[in-house]
Amino acid sequence: MSIYVPPGVVHAAGKTTIGSLFHRRVPAHPGARAIVDGSRVVTYAELEARSNRLANALAARGLVRGDRVGILARNCAEYLEVELAAAKIGVIVAALNWRLGERELSHCVRLVEPRLVIVQAELVEAYGRLDLEPVERIVIGEDYERVLAAAPERYPDVAVDPEDGLVILYTSGTTGLPKGAVISHRAMFARAGCFTSEFGVPVGDNFVAWAPLYHMASTDQGLATLLRGGTVHVVDGYLPERLIELIERETMQFLILMPGMVGDFARAVATSGVTPQGIGICGAMADLVPREDIAAVTRVLDAPYANTFGATETGLPPATGATIPVGVVPSSLSKRQSAFCDLRLVDPDDNDVPVGTPGEAAVRGPTVFSGYWQADETNANDFRNGWFHMGDVLRRNADGTLDYVDRVKYMIKSGGENIYPAEIELVLCGDARVGEAVVVRRPDDKWGEVPVAFVTRVSAELNAADLEARCRAELSSYKRPKDIIFIEPDALPRSTTGKIQRHELEARLSRKA
C-alpha cells in the first residue's frame, strides 16, 4: 500500500533559513565564543538572545517580511546581530557603505526605501547630511542597548522563505552608481557550504572579519562561520598590528587578504617576527595582486594563496579553490572551476565559445543572487536564457582550468581590433621590477582608441624603454601601449573592494590632454 504525501509538504521539508539555522545551532554550544570584538566576547547564547530582542523590536516598529532595514556602521559586533535579527523575521538588511560620498550614499538609501535605519553614533552626523526623507533611526552607541533591553527575548517564529532576501550588498560602482544585489537565505546557505568545501574549513574555526561587513568578503564568511559553530573576530578595517596579534594567537583555515594591502601586510609580519599559530590558506583575488607580493606573504604566513574568482552576485564561484604554493612567484594564475556552479563561456549571441577562446562567464547555481533591487531592465539582460551573465571574460584551457581575461564592458577597440587590457598587463607584470600595471583606453584620432599603461615599480632602475621592448617582443603592434606612465602605488584609484577604477585613470589622461 502506498502513502500519498502532498508535494507541497515534501517541498516545505526541504526549506530552511539563516535565522532558523542559527537558532538551532545555539543549543549545541551556548557558552562558546560567537563574536570577539576587541575585549568584548559575545557567546552563542548571548548572540541568540540579543538578535531575538532586536528582531522583536523591529517587528514592534511595524517591519514585516520583505521590508528593508538599512545599516550604516563600521565593523562591529552589532552588525552581525542586525543581520541575524533581520533573518529571523524576513526583513532585508541593506548594508550601506559608509565610505561612499554623499551622492552615492544617498542613492543607495533611496534605492531600497528602508523602513528604519540603524546608524553607528560616529556616523550620525554624516547620515544627517544626506538629502533623504526622514525614517526612524536606532543609533548604535546611544539608544541601541535600550531598544534591546525593552524587547522580549523569545525567538520570533516568523514564516520566512529561503528565497526571501537576506541582505542587499551594493556593487562597487566602478562605472556608475552602485546597484543593490539581493542575496537570499538560499544563496547565503549555499555560499556557506561552498566556503566550507572549497577551503576545507573545520567546525569551530576562527574567521577574522576585518574587510568591511558591507562587503561579501566579511558578511558571507562571517555568517557561514556562525552557522558552523565558529568564532568571528571583528576588526574595524585593515589594522596590521591587530591582525598580527590574532594570527599569533588563533588558528584559522582562511585569512582573507585583499588587493592593495598584501605587500604591506607581508612586510609588517616579517618586521614583527611573529610566527602564525596556524593558517590554512590566505589571500584572495590573485589576479589583482603583484606576483612578488603573493610569494612574500605566503612565505611569512606559511600558507598557500587563494587563487579566487567570484563576485558579490555569485559568492565564491565560479572559479575558486585553486591555490598558489608557499613562496612561489606564479607564472600562471589559472583557476579551478568551483564545484557549486554550472559555467558556460559565451559569445555576444550566447553561443558557447571553443576551448582557448575568450567568452563571457554565464553562471547558474545555488549561490547566485536574486537580482538587482529595482532594476528590471538590467536583470532581464543579465539573467537572459536562465543564466547570470557576469560581465567578466574568461578563457577555458585544454586542461579545464580557467584564466581571467577582462571585463566585457572594458574593452579597447583600436582600428577595428578588440584589445583586452589584461593581456597587456600580463606582459608588463612579467618584469619582476613591475609592481602593478593597469591599462586603460585613450581616444585617438586615427585608431579610435589606443591602450595606455599606468605602472608602479619596485625598482627605480625600470624605465619605459625596458617595458616597450618587452611589449614589442610579446604583443601584436596594435596591442602595444602608446604611452607608459609610472605612478606611485598609493596614487592608483581603487574601489572599496580593492578593484582599480579605470575610469578615474582615464579622467587623468583627459586632464593631461
Protein backbone atom coordinates (compact mmCIF):
# COMPACT_ATOMS: atom_id res chain seq x y z
CA MET A 1 0.00 0.00 0.00
CA SER A 2 1.40 3.41 -0.99
CA ILE A 3 1.02 6.55 1.11
CA TYR A 4 0.31 9.81 -0.70
CA VAL A 5 2.26 12.83 0.53
CA PRO A 6 1.23 16.16 -0.98
CA PRO A 7 4.14 17.67 -2.97
CA GLY A 8 3.86 20.93 -1.05
CA VAL A 9 4.58 19.17 2.23
CA VAL A 10 7.65 17.46 0.81
CA HIS A 11 8.87 20.76 -0.62
CA ALA A 12 8.39 22.53 2.71
CA ALA A 13 10.57 19.94 4.46
CA GLY A 14 13.47 20.96 2.24
CA LYS A 15 13.31 24.61 3.25
CA THR A 16 15.42 26.38 5.83
CA THR A 17 16.58 29.92 6.56
CA ILE A 18 19.63 31.59 8.05
CA GLY A 19 17.77 32.75 11.16
CA SER A 20 16.36 29.30 11.84
CA LEU A 21 19.70 27.56 11.25
CA PHE A 22 21.47 29.84 13.69
CA HIS A 23 18.68 29.40 16.27
CA ARG A 24 19.05 25.59 16.05
CA ARG A 25 22.85 25.80 16.27
CA VAL A 26 22.92 27.62 19.65
CA PRO A 27 21.96 24.72 21.99
CA ALA A 28 24.98 22.71 20.79
CA HIS A 29 27.44 25.12 22.45
CA PRO A 30 25.69 28.08 24.11
CA GLY A 31 28.80 29.19 26.01
CA ALA A 32 31.18 29.10 23.04
CA ARG A 33 32.55 32.32 21.56
CA ALA A 34 30.42 33.56 18.67
CA ILE A 35 31.86 37.04 18.20
CA VAL A 36 35.01 38.64 19.58
CA ASP A 37 35.12 42.42 19.10
CA GLY A 38 38.24 43.76 20.80
CA SER A 39 37.92 42.96 24.51
CA ARG A 40 34.23 42.13 24.13
CA VAL A 41 33.18 38.48 23.81
CA VAL A 42 29.64 37.51 22.77
CA THR A 43 28.70 33.86 23.32
CA TYR A 44 26.28 31.93 21.15
CA ALA A 45 23.59 32.14 23.85
CA GLU A 46 24.10 35.90 24.16
CA LEU A 47 24.03 36.42 20.40
CA GLU A 48 20.82 34.40 20.16
CA ALA A 49 19.18 36.46 22.92
CA ARG A 50 20.35 39.81 21.53
CA SER A 51 19.33 39.04 17.94
CA ASN A 52 15.94 37.78 19.18
CA ARG A 53 15.41 41.02 21.11
CA LEU A 54 16.35 43.14 18.12
CA ALA A 55 14.11 41.09 15.80
CA ASN A 56 11.18 41.61 18.16
CA ALA A 57 11.98 45.31 18.46
CA LEU A 58 11.95 45.68 14.67
CA ALA A 59 8.66 43.79 14.42
CA ALA A 60 7.15 46.01 17.13
CA ARG A 61 8.03 49.01 14.99
CA GLY A 62 5.97 47.61 12.13
CA LEU A 63 8.64 45.98 9.99
CA VAL A 64 7.37 42.88 8.22
CA ARG A 65 8.72 40.27 5.85
CA GLY A 66 10.24 41.94 2.77
CA ASP A 67 10.77 45.35 4.39
CA ARG A 68 14.27 46.79 4.36
CA VAL A 69 16.35 47.97 7.30
CA GLY A 70 19.46 49.97 6.46
CA ILE A 71 22.66 49.72 8.49
CA LEU A 72 25.37 52.37 8.31
CA ALA A 73 28.18 51.23 10.57
CA ARG A 74 31.83 50.35 10.64
CA ASN A 75 32.73 46.78 11.56
CA CYS A 76 31.29 45.90 14.98
CA ALA A 77 29.56 43.00 16.71
CA GLU A 78 26.20 44.75 16.31
CA TYR A 79 26.46 44.43 12.52
CA LEU A 80 26.14 40.64 12.71
CA GLU A 81 23.38 40.97 15.31
CA VAL A 82 21.39 43.11 12.88
CA GLU A 83 21.81 40.58 10.07
CA LEU A 84 20.68 37.66 12.27
CA ALA A 85 17.76 39.63 13.73
CA ALA A 86 16.50 40.59 10.27
CA ALA A 87 16.92 36.99 9.09
CA LYS A 88 14.61 35.77 11.85
CA ILE A 89 11.67 37.93 10.71
CA GLY A 90 12.24 38.04 6.94
CA VAL A 91 13.46 41.64 6.83
CA ILE A 92 16.22 42.52 4.33
CA VAL A 93 19.37 44.28 5.55
CA ALA A 94 20.68 46.99 3.21
CA ALA A 95 24.41 47.06 4.02
CA LEU A 96 25.35 50.70 3.39
CA ASN A 97 28.91 51.63 2.54
CA TRP A 98 29.97 54.42 4.92
CA ARG A 99 32.96 55.24 2.71
CA LEU A 100 30.81 56.48 -0.16
CA GLY A 101 30.35 60.15 -0.98
CA GLU A 102 27.06 61.83 -0.12
CA ARG A 103 25.65 61.49 -3.65
CA GLU A 104 26.32 57.74 -3.90
CA LEU A 105 25.25 57.00 -0.33
CA SER A 106 22.00 58.95 -0.76
CA HIS A 107 21.33 56.92 -3.90
CA CYS A 108 21.90 53.64 -2.05
CA VAL A 109 19.44 54.58 0.70
CA ARG A 110 16.76 55.90 -1.66
CA LEU A 111 17.07 52.83 -3.87
CA VAL A 112 15.92 50.41 -1.16
CA GLU A 113 13.48 52.71 0.72
CA PRO A 114 14.23 51.39 4.23
CA ARG A 115 11.53 51.48 6.89
CA LEU A 116 14.22 52.01 9.54
CA VAL A 117 17.95 52.76 9.59
CA ILE A 118 20.47 51.61 12.21
CA VAL A 119 23.39 54.05 12.39
CA GLN A 120 26.61 53.97 14.40
CA ALA A 121 26.97 57.01 16.65
CA GLU A 122 30.10 58.28 14.90
CA LEU A 123 28.29 58.23 11.53
CA VAL A 124 25.09 60.00 12.63
CA GLU A 125 26.39 63.39 11.52
CA ALA A 126 27.38 62.07 8.07
CA TYR A 127 23.99 60.38 7.68
CA GLY A 128 22.23 63.58 8.69
CA ARG A 129 23.88 65.47 5.82
CA LEU A 130 22.22 63.20 3.25
CA ASP A 131 19.24 64.55 1.32
CA LEU A 132 16.73 61.90 2.44
CA GLU A 133 13.17 61.53 3.58
CA PRO A 134 13.16 61.04 7.36
CA VAL A 135 12.75 57.49 8.68
CA GLU A 136 13.08 56.08 12.18
CA ARG A 137 16.63 55.58 13.39
CA ILE A 138 18.28 53.43 16.04
CA VAL A 139 21.77 54.60 16.99
CA ILE A 140 24.46 52.10 17.97
CA GLY A 141 26.24 53.65 20.93
CA GLU A 142 23.26 55.70 22.07
CA ASP A 143 19.82 54.05 22.15
CA TYR A 144 20.59 50.61 20.64
CA GLU A 145 21.04 48.89 24.01
CA ARG A 146 17.87 50.49 25.40
CA VAL A 147 15.92 49.19 22.40
CA LEU A 148 17.19 45.65 23.02
CA ALA A 149 16.53 45.78 26.76
CA ALA A 150 12.90 46.80 26.19
CA ALA A 151 12.14 43.93 23.77
CA PRO A 152 11.22 40.31 24.63
CA GLU A 153 13.91 37.64 24.34
CA ARG A 154 11.72 34.90 22.81
CA TYR A 155 12.62 33.52 19.40
CA PRO A 156 10.33 35.19 16.82
CA ASP A 157 8.93 32.19 14.99
CA VAL A 158 8.06 34.01 11.74
CA ALA A 159 7.41 32.18 8.45
CA VAL A 160 10.34 33.07 6.18
CA ASP A 161 11.06 31.50 2.80
CA PRO A 162 14.59 30.56 1.65
CA GLU A 163 14.09 32.67 -1.48
CA ASP A 164 13.36 35.77 0.59
CA GLY A 165 16.04 38.42 0.52
CA LEU A 166 18.51 38.35 3.42
CA VAL A 167 20.93 41.18 2.61
CA ILE A 168 21.44 43.75 -0.11
CA LEU A 169 25.12 44.18 -0.89
CA TYR A 170 26.00 47.04 -3.19
CA THR A 171 28.25 46.62 -6.19
CA SER A 172 31.40 48.70 -6.23
CA GLY A 173 30.07 51.13 -8.82
CA THR A 174 33.24 51.40 -10.91
CA THR A 175 31.23 52.52 -13.96
CA GLY A 176 28.30 54.31 -12.36
CA LEU A 177 26.07 54.45 -9.30
CA PRO A 178 26.08 51.27 -7.18
CA LYS A 179 23.48 48.56 -7.79
CA GLY A 180 21.92 46.64 -4.90
CA ALA A 181 22.47 42.88 -5.22
CA VAL A 182 19.85 40.90 -3.29
CA ILE A 183 21.30 37.82 -1.58
CA SER A 184 18.66 35.32 -0.46
CA HIS A 185 18.72 32.91 2.50
CA ARG A 186 19.13 30.10 -0.04
CA ALA A 187 22.15 31.74 -1.65
CA MET A 188 23.78 32.54 1.68
CA PHE A 189 23.33 28.98 2.92
CA ALA A 190 24.85 27.66 -0.33
CA ARG A 191 27.74 30.10 0.00
CA ALA A 192 28.40 28.78 3.49
CA GLY A 193 28.62 25.24 2.10
CA CYS A 194 30.87 26.38 -0.73
CA PHE A 195 33.16 28.20 1.72
CA THR A 196 33.48 25.07 3.83
CA SER A 197 34.06 22.78 0.87
CA GLU A 198 36.41 24.87 -1.25
CA PHE A 199 38.64 25.90 1.66
CA GLY A 200 38.30 22.82 3.89
CA VAL A 201 37.07 24.87 6.87
CA PRO A 202 36.66 22.80 10.07
CA VAL A 203 33.84 23.17 12.60
CA GLY A 204 34.66 25.70 15.31
CA ASP A 205 37.17 27.58 13.17
CA ASN A 206 38.11 31.25 13.57
CA PHE A 207 37.38 33.86 10.91
CA VAL A 208 38.75 37.40 11.02
CA ALA A 209 36.19 39.87 9.64
CA TRP A 210 38.48 42.83 9.01
CA ALA A 211 37.22 43.59 5.50
CA PRO A 212 34.09 45.78 5.58
CA LEU A 213 30.94 43.94 6.66
CA TYR A 214 29.07 45.76 3.90
CA HIS A 215 31.11 43.58 1.52
CA MET A 216 30.66 39.88 0.76
CA ALA A 217 34.17 39.06 2.00
CA SER A 218 33.13 39.51 5.63
CA THR A 219 29.33 39.09 5.56
CA ASP A 220 29.34 35.82 3.57
CA GLN A 221 32.14 34.20 5.55
CA GLY A 222 31.08 35.76 8.86
CA LEU A 223 27.58 34.26 8.68
CA ALA A 224 29.00 30.95 7.40
CA THR A 225 31.27 30.81 10.45
CA LEU A 226 28.37 31.38 12.85
CA LEU A 227 26.27 28.68 11.18
CA ARG A 228 29.10 26.21 11.69
CA GLY A 229 29.85 26.99 15.32
CA GLY A 230 32.99 29.06 14.81
CA THR A 231 34.15 32.42 16.11
CA VAL A 232 34.07 35.67 14.16
CA HIS A 233 36.79 38.09 15.24
CA VAL A 234 35.60 41.55 14.25
CA VAL A 235 38.31 44.07 13.34
CA ASP A 236 37.44 47.57 12.15
CA GLY A 237 39.33 47.61 8.87
CA TYR A 238 42.90 46.89 7.86
CA LEU A 239 44.83 47.24 11.13
CA PRO A 240 48.10 45.31 10.65
CA GLU A 241 49.05 45.24 14.35
CA ARG A 242 45.64 43.85 15.33
CA LEU A 243 45.74 41.23 12.56
CA ILE A 244 49.22 40.17 13.61
CA GLU A 245 48.03 39.76 17.23
CA LEU A 246 45.23 37.49 16.01
CA ILE A 247 47.33 35.26 13.75
CA GLU A 248 49.84 34.84 16.57
CA ARG A 249 47.10 33.70 18.98
CA GLU A 250 44.42 31.97 16.88
CA THR A 251 44.41 29.23 14.27
CA MET A 252 42.31 29.83 11.18
CA GLN A 253 41.76 27.98 7.95
CA PHE A 254 41.28 31.12 5.87
CA LEU A 255 42.75 34.58 6.35
CA ILE A 256 41.35 36.90 3.74
CA LEU A 257 43.79 39.42 2.26
CA MET A 258 42.64 41.99 -0.28
CA PRO A 259 44.48 43.63 -3.21
CA GLY A 260 46.30 46.78 -2.20
CA MET A 261 47.40 45.54 1.24
CA VAL A 262 49.10 42.20 0.56
CA GLY A 263 52.64 43.53 0.16
CA ASP A 264 52.32 45.87 3.12
CA PHE A 265 50.99 43.09 5.34
CA ALA A 266 53.82 40.75 4.29
CA ARG A 267 56.34 43.39 5.34
CA ALA A 268 54.51 44.06 8.61
CA VAL A 269 54.51 40.38 9.57
CA ALA A 270 58.15 39.96 8.61
CA THR A 271 59.13 43.00 10.69
CA SER A 272 57.12 41.80 13.70
CA GLY A 273 58.96 38.49 13.88
CA VAL A 274 55.67 36.77 14.76
CA THR A 275 55.11 33.10 13.94
CA PRO A 276 51.46 32.47 12.98
CA GLN A 277 49.64 29.94 15.14
CA GLY A 278 48.40 28.22 12.01
CA ILE A 279 46.81 29.49 8.78
CA GLY A 280 45.42 27.09 6.17
CA ILE A 281 45.02 29.47 3.22
CA CYS A 282 45.48 33.21 2.81
CA GLY A 283 44.59 35.87 0.27
CA ALA A 284 42.00 36.39 -2.46
CA MET A 285 41.73 37.79 -5.98
CA ALA A 286 45.25 36.86 -7.08
CA ASP A 287 44.80 38.49 -10.50
CA LEU A 288 44.80 41.92 -8.82
CA VAL A 289 47.90 41.36 -6.66
CA PRO A 290 51.56 41.82 -7.69
CA ARG A 291 53.04 38.33 -8.01
CA GLU A 292 56.10 39.08 -5.89
CA ASP A 293 53.73 40.14 -3.09
CA ILE A 294 51.92 36.79 -3.35
CA ALA A 295 55.21 34.94 -2.87
CA ALA A 296 56.24 37.20 0.02
CA VAL A 297 53.03 36.92 2.02
CA THR A 298 52.80 33.14 1.63
CA ARG A 299 56.35 32.81 2.96
CA VAL A 300 55.79 34.87 6.12
CA LEU A 301 52.40 33.23 6.82
CA ASP A 302 53.50 29.75 5.73
CA ALA A 303 50.19 29.37 3.89
CA PRO A 304 49.30 28.99 0.20
CA TYR A 305 47.48 31.83 -1.56
CA ALA A 306 43.81 31.50 -2.55
CA ASN A 307 43.58 31.95 -6.31
CA THR A 308 39.93 33.03 -6.27
CA PHE A 309 37.48 34.40 -8.80
CA GLY A 310 33.96 35.20 -7.63
CA ALA A 311 31.67 38.20 -7.27
CA THR A 312 29.12 39.82 -4.98
CA GLU A 313 26.47 38.31 -7.24
CA THR A 314 27.81 34.73 -7.19
CA GLY A 315 29.79 34.32 -3.97
CA LEU A 316 32.99 32.28 -4.25
CA PRO A 317 32.02 30.60 -7.56
CA PRO A 318 32.61 30.31 -10.43
CA ALA A 319 36.36 29.68 -10.08
CA THR A 320 37.63 29.41 -6.51
CA GLY A 321 39.57 26.59 -4.95
CA ALA A 322 42.98 26.57 -6.63
CA THR A 323 45.92 27.75 -4.53
CA ILE A 324 49.39 29.14 -5.18
CA PRO A 325 52.11 27.27 -3.21
CA VAL A 326 54.13 28.92 -0.46
CA GLY A 327 56.96 31.12 -1.69
CA VAL A 328 56.16 30.71 -5.38
CA VAL A 329 56.05 33.66 -7.79
CA PRO A 330 53.28 32.29 -10.03
CA SER A 331 53.87 32.18 -13.77
CA SER A 332 50.20 31.35 -14.30
CA LEU A 333 47.02 32.27 -12.45
CA SER A 334 44.84 29.58 -13.98
CA LYS A 335 41.92 28.67 -11.73
CA ARG A 336 39.80 25.64 -10.96
CA GLN A 337 36.07 25.76 -11.68
CA SER A 338 34.06 25.70 -8.46
CA ALA A 339 32.03 22.61 -7.67
CA PHE A 340 28.97 24.67 -6.74
CA CYS A 341 28.01 26.10 -10.12
CA ASP A 342 27.41 25.42 -13.78
CA LEU A 343 29.57 27.62 -16.01
CA ARG A 344 29.39 28.50 -19.69
CA LEU A 345 31.67 30.82 -21.64
CA VAL A 346 29.65 32.51 -24.35
CA ASP A 347 29.97 34.95 -27.24
CA PRO A 348 27.73 38.06 -27.63
CA ASP A 349 25.00 35.86 -29.16
CA ASP A 350 25.07 33.46 -26.18
CA ASN A 351 26.76 30.67 -28.14
CA ASP A 352 29.38 28.61 -26.31
CA VAL A 353 32.91 29.52 -27.38
CA PRO A 354 35.57 26.89 -28.14
CA VAL A 355 38.30 25.96 -25.69
CA GLY A 356 41.02 28.60 -25.80
CA THR A 357 38.68 31.39 -26.93
CA PRO A 358 37.69 34.16 -24.50
CA GLY A 359 33.99 34.26 -23.62
CA GLU A 360 31.71 35.92 -21.11
CA ALA A 361 31.13 33.87 -17.96
CA ALA A 362 27.50 32.77 -17.61
CA VAL A 363 26.77 31.09 -14.27
CA ARG A 364 23.95 29.02 -12.79
CA GLY A 365 23.81 27.54 -9.29
CA PRO A 366 22.53 27.85 -5.72
CA THR A 367 24.98 30.60 -4.67
CA VAL A 368 23.71 33.05 -7.32
CA PHE A 369 21.95 36.16 -6.07
CA SER A 370 18.31 37.07 -6.73
CA GLY A 371 18.86 40.07 -8.98
CA TYR A 372 19.46 43.76 -8.53
CA TRP A 373 16.93 45.73 -6.47
CA GLN A 374 14.59 47.84 -8.63
CA ALA A 375 16.48 47.12 -11.85
CA ASP A 376 14.12 45.15 -14.10
CA GLU A 377 15.85 46.01 -17.39
CA THR A 378 19.30 45.12 -16.07
CA ASN A 379 18.01 41.85 -14.59
CA ALA A 380 16.28 40.89 -17.84
CA ASN A 381 19.57 41.31 -19.70
CA ASP A 382 21.93 39.82 -17.14
CA PHE A 383 19.75 36.74 -16.46
CA ARG A 384 18.88 36.06 -20.10
CA ASN A 385 18.21 32.43 -21.04
CA GLY A 386 18.26 31.37 -17.40
CA TRP A 387 21.95 32.08 -16.75
CA PHE A 388 23.51 35.00 -14.88
CA HIS A 389 25.92 36.78 -17.20
CA MET A 390 28.73 38.15 -15.05
CA GLY A 391 30.21 40.66 -17.45
CA ASP A 392 33.62 39.01 -16.99
CA VAL A 393 35.58 37.35 -19.77
CA LEU A 394 37.34 34.03 -19.04
CA ARG A 395 39.24 31.57 -21.19
CA ARG A 396 38.96 27.80 -20.68
CA ASN A 397 42.22 25.94 -21.18
CA ALA A 398 42.63 22.46 -22.63
CA ASP A 399 43.12 21.03 -19.11
CA GLY A 400 39.80 22.53 -17.95
CA THR A 401 41.31 25.34 -15.90
CA LEU A 402 40.15 28.92 -16.38
CA ASP A 403 42.05 32.16 -16.95
CA TYR A 404 40.62 35.58 -16.22
CA VAL A 405 40.84 37.86 -19.27
CA ASP A 406 38.95 41.08 -18.51
CA ARG A 407 35.57 42.79 -18.15
CA VAL A 408 33.25 42.58 -21.15
CA LYS A 409 32.40 46.25 -20.86
CA TYR A 410 36.01 47.34 -20.58
CA MET A 411 37.39 46.58 -23.99
CA ILE A 412 39.63 48.79 -26.08
CA LYS A 413 38.53 48.98 -29.72
CA SER A 414 41.50 50.09 -31.77
CA GLY A 415 41.29 50.25 -35.56
CA GLY A 416 38.58 47.56 -35.60
CA GLU A 417 40.52 45.23 -33.29
CA ASN A 418 39.37 44.25 -29.78
CA ILE A 419 42.00 44.58 -27.06
CA TYR A 420 41.57 43.19 -23.55
CA PRO A 421 43.72 45.26 -21.15
CA ALA A 422 44.59 42.20 -19.06
CA GLU A 423 46.54 40.72 -21.99
CA ILE A 424 48.87 43.72 -21.95
CA GLU A 425 49.01 43.87 -18.14
CA LEU A 426 50.14 40.24 -18.03
CA VAL A 427 53.10 41.02 -20.26
CA LEU A 428 54.08 44.13 -18.29
CA CYS A 429 53.87 42.28 -14.97
CA GLY A 430 56.21 39.64 -16.35
CA ASP A 431 59.03 42.06 -15.50
CA ALA A 432 59.89 41.46 -11.82
CA ARG A 433 60.55 45.19 -11.39
CA VAL A 434 56.86 45.97 -12.02
CA GLY A 435 54.58 46.18 -9.02
CA GLU A 436 51.24 46.65 -10.77
CA ALA A 437 50.19 47.51 -14.30
CA VAL A 438 46.84 48.96 -15.32
CA VAL A 439 45.95 49.53 -18.97
CA VAL A 440 43.22 51.98 -19.97
CA ARG A 441 41.93 53.40 -23.22
CA ARG A 442 42.64 56.85 -24.63
CA PRO A 443 40.74 58.43 -27.54
CA ASP A 444 42.79 58.60 -30.72
CA ASP A 445 42.00 60.48 -33.94
CA LYS A 446 43.41 57.74 -36.16
CA TRP A 447 42.57 54.48 -34.38
CA GLY A 448 39.54 55.49 -32.33
CA GLU A 449 41.09 54.22 -29.08
CA VAL A 450 44.59 53.17 -28.08
CA PRO A 451 45.95 51.48 -24.92
CA VAL A 452 47.92 53.43 -22.32
CA ALA A 453 49.61 51.76 -19.33
CA PHE A 454 49.94 53.05 -15.77
CA VAL A 455 52.74 51.17 -14.00
CA THR A 456 54.05 51.05 -10.43
CA ARG A 457 57.62 49.89 -9.99
CA VAL A 458 59.51 48.13 -7.25
CA SER A 459 62.87 49.13 -8.70
CA ALA A 460 63.88 52.65 -9.72
CA GLU A 461 66.06 51.12 -12.47
CA LEU A 462 62.97 50.22 -14.51
CA ASN A 463 62.25 52.62 -17.36
CA ALA A 464 59.70 52.88 -20.15
CA ALA A 465 62.17 51.64 -22.77
CA ASP A 466 62.55 48.34 -20.90
CA LEU A 467 58.81 47.74 -20.96
CA GLU A 468 58.40 48.90 -24.54
CA ALA A 469 61.00 46.33 -25.60
CA ARG A 470 59.14 43.62 -23.71
CA CYS A 471 55.86 44.57 -25.40
CA ARG A 472 57.49 44.55 -28.85
CA ALA A 473 58.68 41.02 -28.22
CA GLU A 474 55.39 39.62 -26.91
CA LEU A 475 52.47 41.67 -28.27
CA SER A 476 50.99 42.44 -31.65
CA SER A 477 51.66 46.02 -32.73
CA TYR A 478 48.09 47.21 -32.16
CA LYS A 479 48.15 45.90 -28.56
CA ARG A 480 51.31 47.73 -27.51
CA PRO A 481 50.75 50.65 -25.12
CA LYS A 482 51.14 54.02 -26.82
CA ASP A 483 52.33 55.52 -23.52
CA ILE A 484 53.74 54.05 -20.31
CA ILE A 485 53.14 56.28 -17.29
CA PHE A 486 54.84 55.50 -14.00
CA ILE A 487 52.71 56.12 -10.93
CA GLU A 488 53.09 55.70 -7.17
CA PRO A 489 51.17 52.71 -5.72
CA ASP A 490 49.10 54.93 -3.42
CA ALA A 491 48.01 57.00 -6.41
CA LEU A 492 46.17 54.11 -8.08
CA PRO A 493 42.45 54.79 -7.56
CA ARG A 494 40.64 51.82 -6.01
CA SER A 495 37.07 50.95 -5.12
CA THR A 496 36.27 49.87 -1.57
CA THR A 497 36.76 46.26 -2.68
CA GLY A 498 40.29 46.94 -3.94
CA LYS A 499 39.49 46.98 -7.64
CA ILE A 500 41.26 49.53 -9.80
CA GLN A 501 38.89 52.24 -11.05
CA ARG A 502 39.95 52.53 -14.66
CA HIS A 503 37.58 55.40 -15.38
CA GLU A 504 39.48 57.53 -12.86
CA LEU A 505 42.74 56.87 -14.70
CA GLU A 506 41.02 57.71 -17.99
CA ALA A 507 39.94 61.00 -16.47
CA ARG A 508 43.56 61.78 -15.58
CA LEU A 509 44.54 61.25 -19.21
CA SER A 510 41.80 63.66 -20.27
CA ARG A 511 43.04 66.31 -17.84
CA LYS A 512 46.60 65.94 -19.14
CA ALA A 513 45.38 66.35 -22.71
